N, C-alpha and C. Protein backbone atom coordinates (compact mmCIF):
# COMPACT_ATOMS: atom_id res chain seq x y z
N UNK A 1 -1.91 12.69 -22.67
CA UNK A 1 -3.14 12.62 -23.42
C UNK A 1 -2.86 11.95 -24.76
N UNK A 2 -3.71 11.03 -25.14
CA UNK A 2 -3.51 10.30 -26.40
C UNK A 2 -4.08 11.09 -27.58
N UNK A 3 -3.38 10.98 -28.69
CA UNK A 3 -3.90 11.56 -29.92
C UNK A 3 -5.06 10.72 -30.41
N UNK A 4 -5.95 11.31 -31.11
CA UNK A 4 -7.11 10.58 -31.63
C UNK A 4 -6.69 9.46 -32.57
N UNK A 5 -5.56 9.62 -33.26
CA UNK A 5 -5.14 8.61 -34.22
C UNK A 5 -4.58 7.35 -33.54
N UNK A 6 -4.15 7.46 -32.26
CA UNK A 6 -3.63 6.30 -31.56
C UNK A 6 -4.80 5.45 -31.06
N UNK A 7 -4.67 4.15 -31.30
CA UNK A 7 -5.70 3.24 -30.83
C UNK A 7 -5.11 2.33 -29.77
N UNK A 8 -5.89 2.08 -28.75
CA UNK A 8 -5.50 1.15 -27.72
C UNK A 8 -6.06 -0.21 -28.10
N UNK A 9 -5.20 -1.18 -28.11
CA UNK A 9 -5.65 -2.54 -28.43
C UNK A 9 -6.51 -3.04 -27.28
N UNK A 10 -7.72 -3.44 -27.57
CA UNK A 10 -8.66 -3.85 -26.54
C UNK A 10 -8.85 -5.36 -26.46
N UNK A 11 -8.14 -6.08 -27.28
CA UNK A 11 -8.27 -7.53 -27.28
C UNK A 11 -6.90 -8.16 -27.12
N UNK A 12 -6.74 -9.01 -26.11
CA UNK A 12 -5.41 -9.60 -25.88
C UNK A 12 -5.07 -10.66 -26.92
N UNK A 13 -3.80 -10.83 -27.14
CA UNK A 13 -3.30 -11.90 -28.00
C UNK A 13 -2.54 -12.88 -27.10
N UNK A 14 -3.30 -13.76 -26.46
CA UNK A 14 -2.72 -14.70 -25.52
C UNK A 14 -2.27 -15.95 -26.25
N UNK A 15 -0.97 -16.20 -26.17
CA UNK A 15 -0.40 -17.40 -26.77
C UNK A 15 0.40 -18.12 -25.69
N UNK A 16 0.04 -19.36 -25.44
CA UNK A 16 0.70 -20.14 -24.41
C UNK A 16 1.86 -20.93 -24.98
N UNK A 17 2.91 -21.04 -24.19
CA UNK A 17 4.03 -21.90 -24.51
C UNK A 17 3.73 -23.24 -23.85
N UNK A 18 3.21 -24.19 -24.64
CA UNK A 18 2.79 -25.48 -24.09
C UNK A 18 3.95 -26.27 -23.51
N UNK A 19 5.13 -26.09 -24.07
CA UNK A 19 6.31 -26.77 -23.52
C UNK A 19 6.57 -26.26 -22.11
N UNK A 20 6.47 -24.94 -21.92
CA UNK A 20 6.67 -24.36 -20.59
C UNK A 20 5.61 -24.85 -19.61
N UNK A 21 4.38 -24.96 -20.07
CA UNK A 21 3.30 -25.46 -19.20
C UNK A 21 3.61 -26.88 -18.75
N UNK A 22 4.00 -27.74 -19.67
CA UNK A 22 4.30 -29.14 -19.33
C UNK A 22 5.52 -29.22 -18.41
N UNK A 23 6.54 -28.42 -18.68
CA UNK A 23 7.72 -28.42 -17.81
C UNK A 23 7.35 -27.94 -16.40
N UNK A 24 6.47 -26.95 -16.31
CA UNK A 24 6.00 -26.46 -15.00
C UNK A 24 5.25 -27.57 -14.26
N UNK A 25 4.46 -28.36 -14.98
CA UNK A 25 3.73 -29.48 -14.36
C UNK A 25 4.73 -30.49 -13.80
N UNK A 26 5.70 -30.87 -14.60
CA UNK A 26 6.69 -31.86 -14.16
C UNK A 26 7.51 -31.32 -13.00
N UNK A 27 7.95 -30.07 -13.10
CA UNK A 27 8.75 -29.47 -12.03
C UNK A 27 7.97 -29.43 -10.72
N UNK A 28 6.69 -29.09 -10.79
CA UNK A 28 5.89 -29.04 -9.57
C UNK A 28 5.56 -30.42 -9.03
N UNK A 29 5.47 -31.40 -9.90
CA UNK A 29 5.30 -32.78 -9.44
C UNK A 29 6.52 -33.22 -8.63
N UNK A 30 7.69 -32.92 -9.17
CA UNK A 30 8.94 -33.27 -8.49
C UNK A 30 9.06 -32.49 -7.18
N UNK A 31 8.75 -31.19 -7.22
CA UNK A 31 8.80 -30.37 -6.01
C UNK A 31 7.85 -30.92 -4.95
N UNK A 32 6.64 -31.29 -5.34
CA UNK A 32 5.68 -31.86 -4.39
C UNK A 32 6.19 -33.13 -3.76
N UNK A 33 6.81 -33.98 -4.56
CA UNK A 33 7.38 -35.23 -4.03
C UNK A 33 8.47 -34.91 -3.00
N UNK A 34 9.40 -34.05 -3.37
CA UNK A 34 10.51 -33.72 -2.46
C UNK A 34 10.00 -33.03 -1.21
N UNK A 35 9.07 -32.08 -1.38
CA UNK A 35 8.56 -31.30 -0.26
C UNK A 35 7.83 -32.16 0.77
N UNK A 36 6.92 -33.02 0.24
CA UNK A 36 6.06 -33.79 1.14
C UNK A 36 6.59 -35.18 1.48
N UNK A 37 7.79 -35.51 1.02
CA UNK A 37 8.37 -36.79 1.44
C UNK A 37 9.74 -36.56 2.05
N UNK A 38 10.67 -36.10 1.27
CA UNK A 38 12.05 -35.96 1.72
C UNK A 38 12.20 -34.84 2.77
N UNK A 39 11.70 -33.64 2.46
CA UNK A 39 11.93 -32.50 3.35
C UNK A 39 10.99 -32.46 4.55
N UNK A 40 9.69 -32.58 4.31
CA UNK A 40 8.72 -32.39 5.39
C UNK A 40 7.75 -33.55 5.53
N UNK A 41 8.10 -34.71 5.00
CA UNK A 41 7.20 -35.86 5.03
C UNK A 41 6.77 -36.26 6.43
N UNK A 42 7.72 -36.38 7.33
CA UNK A 42 7.38 -36.80 8.69
C UNK A 42 6.59 -35.72 9.42
N UNK A 43 7.02 -34.49 9.31
CA UNK A 43 6.31 -33.39 9.99
C UNK A 43 4.90 -33.24 9.43
N UNK A 44 4.77 -33.36 8.11
CA UNK A 44 3.46 -33.25 7.47
C UNK A 44 2.56 -34.41 7.91
N UNK A 45 3.09 -35.62 7.88
CA UNK A 45 2.32 -36.79 8.30
C UNK A 45 1.86 -36.69 9.75
N UNK A 46 2.74 -36.24 10.61
CA UNK A 46 2.37 -36.06 12.02
C UNK A 46 1.30 -34.99 12.17
N UNK A 47 1.45 -33.88 11.44
CA UNK A 47 0.46 -32.81 11.52
C UNK A 47 -0.90 -33.25 10.97
N UNK A 48 -0.88 -34.19 10.02
CA UNK A 48 -2.12 -34.73 9.46
C UNK A 48 -2.66 -35.88 10.31
N UNK A 49 -1.94 -36.21 11.38
CA UNK A 49 -2.32 -37.30 12.29
C UNK A 49 -2.38 -38.64 11.56
N UNK A 50 -1.38 -38.86 10.72
CA UNK A 50 -1.29 -40.12 9.97
C UNK A 50 -0.36 -41.08 10.71
N UNK A 51 -0.63 -42.36 10.56
CA UNK A 51 0.25 -43.39 11.09
C UNK A 51 1.40 -43.55 10.09
N UNK A 52 2.55 -43.04 10.43
CA UNK A 52 3.69 -43.03 9.51
C UNK A 52 4.35 -44.40 9.37
N UNK A 53 3.91 -45.37 10.16
CA UNK A 53 4.47 -46.72 10.03
C UNK A 53 3.71 -47.52 8.97
N UNK A 54 2.54 -47.06 8.57
CA UNK A 54 1.71 -47.75 7.58
C UNK A 54 1.99 -47.18 6.19
N UNK A 55 2.31 -48.05 5.26
CA UNK A 55 2.50 -47.64 3.87
C UNK A 55 1.15 -47.74 3.17
N UNK A 56 0.74 -46.66 2.46
CA UNK A 56 -0.55 -46.72 1.75
C UNK A 56 -0.52 -47.77 0.64
N UNK A 57 -1.69 -48.24 0.28
CA UNK A 57 -1.80 -49.19 -0.83
C UNK A 57 -1.36 -48.52 -2.12
N UNK A 58 -0.91 -49.32 -3.07
CA UNK A 58 -0.45 -48.79 -4.36
C UNK A 58 -1.54 -48.00 -5.07
N UNK A 59 -2.78 -48.48 -4.99
CA UNK A 59 -3.88 -47.79 -5.67
C UNK A 59 -4.09 -46.38 -5.10
N UNK A 60 -3.88 -46.21 -3.80
CA UNK A 60 -4.01 -44.90 -3.16
C UNK A 60 -2.90 -43.97 -3.65
N UNK A 61 -1.70 -44.50 -3.76
CA UNK A 61 -0.56 -43.71 -4.23
C UNK A 61 -0.76 -43.29 -5.69
N UNK A 62 -1.18 -44.23 -6.54
CA UNK A 62 -1.40 -43.93 -7.96
C UNK A 62 -2.50 -42.89 -8.11
N UNK A 63 -3.60 -43.07 -7.39
CA UNK A 63 -4.70 -42.10 -7.44
C UNK A 63 -4.22 -40.71 -7.02
N UNK A 64 -3.44 -40.63 -5.94
CA UNK A 64 -2.91 -39.35 -5.48
C UNK A 64 -2.01 -38.71 -6.51
N UNK A 65 -1.16 -39.52 -7.15
CA UNK A 65 -0.25 -38.98 -8.17
C UNK A 65 -1.01 -38.45 -9.38
N UNK A 66 -2.02 -39.20 -9.83
CA UNK A 66 -2.81 -38.75 -10.98
C UNK A 66 -3.57 -37.46 -10.67
N UNK A 67 -4.14 -37.39 -9.48
CA UNK A 67 -4.85 -36.16 -9.10
C UNK A 67 -3.87 -35.00 -9.00
N UNK A 68 -2.68 -35.26 -8.47
CA UNK A 68 -1.66 -34.21 -8.38
C UNK A 68 -1.24 -33.71 -9.76
N UNK A 69 -1.09 -34.61 -10.71
CA UNK A 69 -0.71 -34.22 -12.08
C UNK A 69 -1.81 -33.35 -12.69
N UNK A 70 -3.06 -33.76 -12.53
CA UNK A 70 -4.18 -32.96 -13.07
C UNK A 70 -4.20 -31.59 -12.39
N UNK A 71 -4.04 -31.56 -11.08
CA UNK A 71 -4.02 -30.29 -10.36
C UNK A 71 -2.87 -29.40 -10.78
N UNK A 72 -1.68 -29.99 -10.95
CA UNK A 72 -0.52 -29.22 -11.42
C UNK A 72 -0.75 -28.67 -12.81
N UNK A 73 -1.39 -29.47 -13.67
CA UNK A 73 -1.68 -28.98 -15.02
C UNK A 73 -2.66 -27.81 -14.98
N UNK A 74 -3.73 -27.95 -14.21
CA UNK A 74 -4.71 -26.86 -14.13
C UNK A 74 -4.07 -25.58 -13.59
N UNK A 75 -3.24 -25.73 -12.56
CA UNK A 75 -2.57 -24.55 -12.00
C UNK A 75 -1.66 -23.90 -13.04
N UNK A 76 -0.82 -24.69 -13.71
CA UNK A 76 0.12 -24.14 -14.69
C UNK A 76 -0.62 -23.53 -15.89
N UNK A 77 -1.66 -24.18 -16.35
CA UNK A 77 -2.45 -23.70 -17.49
C UNK A 77 -3.11 -22.36 -17.18
N UNK A 78 -3.79 -22.27 -16.05
CA UNK A 78 -4.47 -21.03 -15.67
C UNK A 78 -3.46 -19.95 -15.32
N UNK A 79 -2.40 -20.32 -14.62
CA UNK A 79 -1.36 -19.36 -14.25
C UNK A 79 -0.70 -18.78 -15.49
N UNK A 80 -0.46 -19.60 -16.50
CA UNK A 80 0.11 -19.11 -17.77
C UNK A 80 -0.81 -18.08 -18.41
N UNK A 81 -2.12 -18.35 -18.37
CA UNK A 81 -3.08 -17.37 -18.89
C UNK A 81 -3.03 -16.06 -18.10
N UNK A 82 -3.00 -16.17 -16.77
CA UNK A 82 -2.96 -14.97 -15.94
C UNK A 82 -1.70 -14.15 -16.19
N UNK A 83 -0.57 -14.83 -16.27
CA UNK A 83 0.70 -14.14 -16.53
C UNK A 83 0.63 -13.44 -17.88
N UNK A 84 0.11 -14.14 -18.88
CA UNK A 84 0.00 -13.54 -20.21
C UNK A 84 -0.96 -12.35 -20.21
N UNK A 85 -2.05 -12.45 -19.48
CA UNK A 85 -3.02 -11.36 -19.45
C UNK A 85 -2.44 -10.09 -18.82
N UNK A 86 -1.49 -10.24 -17.89
CA UNK A 86 -0.87 -9.08 -17.26
C UNK A 86 0.37 -8.59 -18.00
N UNK A 87 0.76 -9.28 -19.06
CA UNK A 87 1.92 -8.89 -19.85
C UNK A 87 1.49 -7.80 -20.84
N UNK A 88 2.11 -6.62 -20.80
CA UNK A 88 1.70 -5.54 -21.71
C UNK A 88 1.83 -5.91 -23.19
N UNK A 89 2.77 -6.80 -23.52
CA UNK A 89 2.96 -7.21 -24.92
C UNK A 89 1.70 -7.91 -25.44
N UNK A 90 1.02 -8.64 -24.57
CA UNK A 90 -0.22 -9.33 -24.94
C UNK A 90 -1.27 -8.34 -25.45
N UNK A 91 -1.18 -7.12 -24.97
CA UNK A 91 -2.15 -6.07 -25.32
C UNK A 91 -1.59 -5.10 -26.36
N UNK A 92 -0.48 -5.46 -27.00
CA UNK A 92 0.09 -4.63 -28.04
C UNK A 92 0.87 -3.44 -27.52
N UNK A 93 1.30 -3.50 -26.26
CA UNK A 93 2.05 -2.40 -25.66
C UNK A 93 3.53 -2.77 -25.57
N UNK A 94 4.34 -1.81 -25.15
CA UNK A 94 5.77 -2.07 -24.99
C UNK A 94 5.98 -3.06 -23.84
N UNK A 95 7.04 -3.83 -23.95
CA UNK A 95 7.36 -4.82 -22.92
C UNK A 95 7.67 -4.13 -21.59
N UNK A 96 7.45 -4.85 -20.51
CA UNK A 96 7.74 -4.35 -19.17
C UNK A 96 9.22 -4.06 -19.03
N UNK A 97 9.55 -3.03 -18.28
CA UNK A 97 10.95 -2.69 -18.05
C UNK A 97 11.53 -3.47 -16.87
N UNK A 98 10.68 -4.23 -16.17
CA UNK A 98 11.14 -5.02 -15.04
C UNK A 98 11.84 -6.29 -15.53
N UNK A 99 12.86 -6.75 -14.81
CA UNK A 99 13.52 -8.00 -15.19
C UNK A 99 12.53 -9.17 -15.09
N UNK A 100 12.68 -10.19 -15.93
CA UNK A 100 11.76 -11.33 -15.90
C UNK A 100 11.64 -11.99 -14.52
N UNK A 101 12.74 -12.08 -13.78
CA UNK A 101 12.67 -12.71 -12.46
C UNK A 101 11.81 -11.89 -11.50
N UNK A 102 11.84 -10.58 -11.64
CA UNK A 102 10.99 -9.72 -10.80
C UNK A 102 9.52 -9.93 -11.15
N UNK A 103 9.23 -10.05 -12.45
CA UNK A 103 7.86 -10.33 -12.88
C UNK A 103 7.39 -11.70 -12.38
N UNK A 104 8.29 -12.69 -12.42
CA UNK A 104 7.94 -14.04 -11.94
C UNK A 104 7.65 -14.00 -10.44
N UNK A 105 8.48 -13.31 -9.69
CA UNK A 105 8.27 -13.22 -8.24
C UNK A 105 6.95 -12.52 -7.94
N UNK A 106 6.68 -11.42 -8.62
CA UNK A 106 5.44 -10.67 -8.38
C UNK A 106 4.22 -11.51 -8.74
N UNK A 107 4.27 -12.21 -9.86
CA UNK A 107 3.14 -13.07 -10.26
C UNK A 107 2.89 -14.14 -9.22
N UNK A 108 3.95 -14.79 -8.76
CA UNK A 108 3.82 -15.85 -7.76
C UNK A 108 3.34 -15.30 -6.43
N UNK A 109 3.97 -14.22 -5.98
CA UNK A 109 3.65 -13.68 -4.66
C UNK A 109 2.20 -13.20 -4.57
N UNK A 110 1.76 -12.42 -5.54
CA UNK A 110 0.40 -11.86 -5.46
C UNK A 110 -0.67 -12.91 -5.70
N UNK A 111 -0.38 -13.91 -6.52
CA UNK A 111 -1.33 -15.02 -6.69
C UNK A 111 -1.42 -15.81 -5.39
N UNK A 112 -0.28 -16.08 -4.78
CA UNK A 112 -0.24 -16.79 -3.50
C UNK A 112 -0.96 -16.00 -2.40
N UNK A 113 -0.65 -14.72 -2.33
CA UNK A 113 -1.21 -13.86 -1.29
C UNK A 113 -2.73 -13.75 -1.39
N UNK A 114 -3.25 -13.68 -2.60
CA UNK A 114 -4.69 -13.48 -2.77
C UNK A 114 -5.52 -14.73 -2.90
N UNK A 115 -4.92 -15.84 -3.34
CA UNK A 115 -5.71 -17.03 -3.62
C UNK A 115 -5.33 -18.24 -2.77
N UNK A 116 -4.06 -18.45 -2.54
CA UNK A 116 -3.62 -19.64 -1.80
C UNK A 116 -3.59 -19.40 -0.29
N UNK A 117 -2.95 -18.32 0.12
CA UNK A 117 -2.79 -18.05 1.55
C UNK A 117 -4.14 -17.97 2.28
N UNK A 118 -5.13 -17.27 1.74
CA UNK A 118 -6.43 -17.25 2.45
C UNK A 118 -7.04 -18.65 2.62
N UNK A 119 -6.88 -19.50 1.63
CA UNK A 119 -7.40 -20.87 1.75
C UNK A 119 -6.65 -21.64 2.83
N UNK A 120 -5.33 -21.50 2.84
CA UNK A 120 -4.54 -22.19 3.87
C UNK A 120 -4.91 -21.68 5.26
N UNK A 121 -5.14 -20.38 5.38
CA UNK A 121 -5.53 -19.80 6.67
C UNK A 121 -6.90 -20.33 7.10
N UNK A 122 -7.82 -20.43 6.16
CA UNK A 122 -9.16 -20.93 6.49
C UNK A 122 -9.11 -22.38 6.94
N UNK A 123 -8.28 -23.20 6.29
CA UNK A 123 -8.15 -24.59 6.71
C UNK A 123 -7.63 -24.69 8.14
N UNK A 124 -6.67 -23.82 8.46
CA UNK A 124 -6.13 -23.84 9.81
C UNK A 124 -7.22 -23.43 10.80
N UNK A 125 -7.97 -22.40 10.46
CA UNK A 125 -8.96 -21.87 11.39
C UNK A 125 -10.19 -22.76 11.53
N UNK A 126 -10.73 -23.22 10.40
CA UNK A 126 -12.02 -23.92 10.42
C UNK A 126 -11.92 -25.43 10.42
N UNK A 127 -10.80 -25.97 9.97
CA UNK A 127 -10.64 -27.42 9.95
C UNK A 127 -9.72 -27.89 11.07
N UNK A 128 -9.39 -26.97 11.95
CA UNK A 128 -8.57 -27.27 13.11
C UNK A 128 -7.21 -27.87 12.73
N UNK A 129 -6.62 -27.33 11.67
CA UNK A 129 -5.29 -27.77 11.25
C UNK A 129 -4.24 -27.02 12.05
N UNK A 130 -3.09 -27.63 12.23
CA UNK A 130 -2.04 -27.05 13.07
C UNK A 130 -1.27 -25.96 12.32
N UNK A 131 -0.56 -25.16 13.11
CA UNK A 131 0.32 -24.15 12.52
C UNK A 131 1.43 -24.82 11.71
N UNK A 132 1.89 -25.98 12.16
CA UNK A 132 2.92 -26.71 11.42
C UNK A 132 2.43 -27.04 10.02
N UNK A 133 1.22 -27.58 9.93
CA UNK A 133 0.65 -27.92 8.64
C UNK A 133 0.44 -26.67 7.80
N UNK A 134 -0.03 -25.60 8.44
CA UNK A 134 -0.21 -24.33 7.73
C UNK A 134 1.09 -23.88 7.08
N UNK A 135 2.18 -23.85 7.84
CA UNK A 135 3.45 -23.37 7.29
C UNK A 135 4.02 -24.31 6.23
N UNK A 136 3.87 -25.61 6.40
CA UNK A 136 4.34 -26.55 5.38
C UNK A 136 3.58 -26.33 4.08
N UNK A 137 2.26 -26.27 4.16
CA UNK A 137 1.44 -26.12 2.96
C UNK A 137 1.56 -24.73 2.34
N UNK A 138 1.51 -23.69 3.16
CA UNK A 138 1.56 -22.32 2.62
C UNK A 138 2.89 -22.05 1.93
N UNK A 139 3.98 -22.50 2.53
CA UNK A 139 5.28 -22.28 1.90
C UNK A 139 5.43 -23.12 0.63
N UNK A 140 4.88 -24.34 0.65
CA UNK A 140 4.88 -25.14 -0.58
C UNK A 140 4.09 -24.45 -1.69
N UNK A 141 2.93 -23.93 -1.37
CA UNK A 141 2.10 -23.27 -2.39
C UNK A 141 2.83 -22.08 -3.00
N UNK A 142 3.50 -21.29 -2.16
CA UNK A 142 4.25 -20.17 -2.70
C UNK A 142 5.39 -20.65 -3.59
N UNK A 143 6.14 -21.61 -3.11
CA UNK A 143 7.28 -22.12 -3.88
C UNK A 143 6.83 -22.75 -5.20
N UNK A 144 5.72 -23.48 -5.18
CA UNK A 144 5.24 -24.09 -6.42
C UNK A 144 4.82 -23.02 -7.43
N UNK A 145 4.21 -21.94 -6.95
CA UNK A 145 3.87 -20.84 -7.86
C UNK A 145 5.11 -20.15 -8.39
N UNK A 146 6.12 -19.99 -7.53
CA UNK A 146 7.35 -19.34 -7.97
C UNK A 146 8.07 -20.18 -9.03
N UNK A 147 8.14 -21.48 -8.81
CA UNK A 147 8.76 -22.37 -9.80
C UNK A 147 8.01 -22.28 -11.13
N UNK A 148 6.68 -22.36 -11.07
CA UNK A 148 5.88 -22.29 -12.29
C UNK A 148 6.05 -20.93 -12.98
N UNK A 149 6.03 -19.86 -12.22
CA UNK A 149 6.17 -18.52 -12.80
C UNK A 149 7.53 -18.35 -13.49
N UNK A 150 8.59 -18.83 -12.83
CA UNK A 150 9.93 -18.72 -13.43
C UNK A 150 9.99 -19.48 -14.75
N UNK A 151 9.42 -20.66 -14.78
CA UNK A 151 9.42 -21.46 -16.01
C UNK A 151 8.57 -20.78 -17.08
N UNK A 152 7.37 -20.37 -16.72
CA UNK A 152 6.46 -19.78 -17.70
C UNK A 152 6.96 -18.45 -18.25
N UNK A 153 7.62 -17.66 -17.42
CA UNK A 153 8.11 -16.35 -17.87
C UNK A 153 9.45 -16.46 -18.58
N UNK A 154 10.32 -17.35 -18.13
CA UNK A 154 11.66 -17.43 -18.71
C UNK A 154 11.70 -18.18 -20.05
N UNK A 155 10.69 -18.99 -20.31
CA UNK A 155 10.73 -19.78 -21.56
C UNK A 155 10.05 -19.04 -22.70
């Protein structure tokens, strides 16, 4: 039971580390390149029913990269806010006793489980996407959140 003299802070003090946000954007851009070209490029292309012998025009590649950068920024920016909002220090409380890596994993896993995975499942079910595409995309989404969470929490 709290004493009457103790006050609970009801307004968060959210401060973003912009360097961490930008590093998370760059790291996820690199991860996306490696994931969808080097590691799973052929499997992803086949699952998307793309002609892998045709190279896209430069304008298509540039447009895709710019959209990916904007998307990575939005994800890192909002994710940084979410992580900060769940941090007890933001609310004037004692810091979490959990190790930072555990907090990063939990932030990534529960965000993925509640927001990304259902979307990936719906695409598979309603857009007739293959299980291969589902696993490539769902695992990428989790990994990209984990990379961003580690950067945002550790910096």
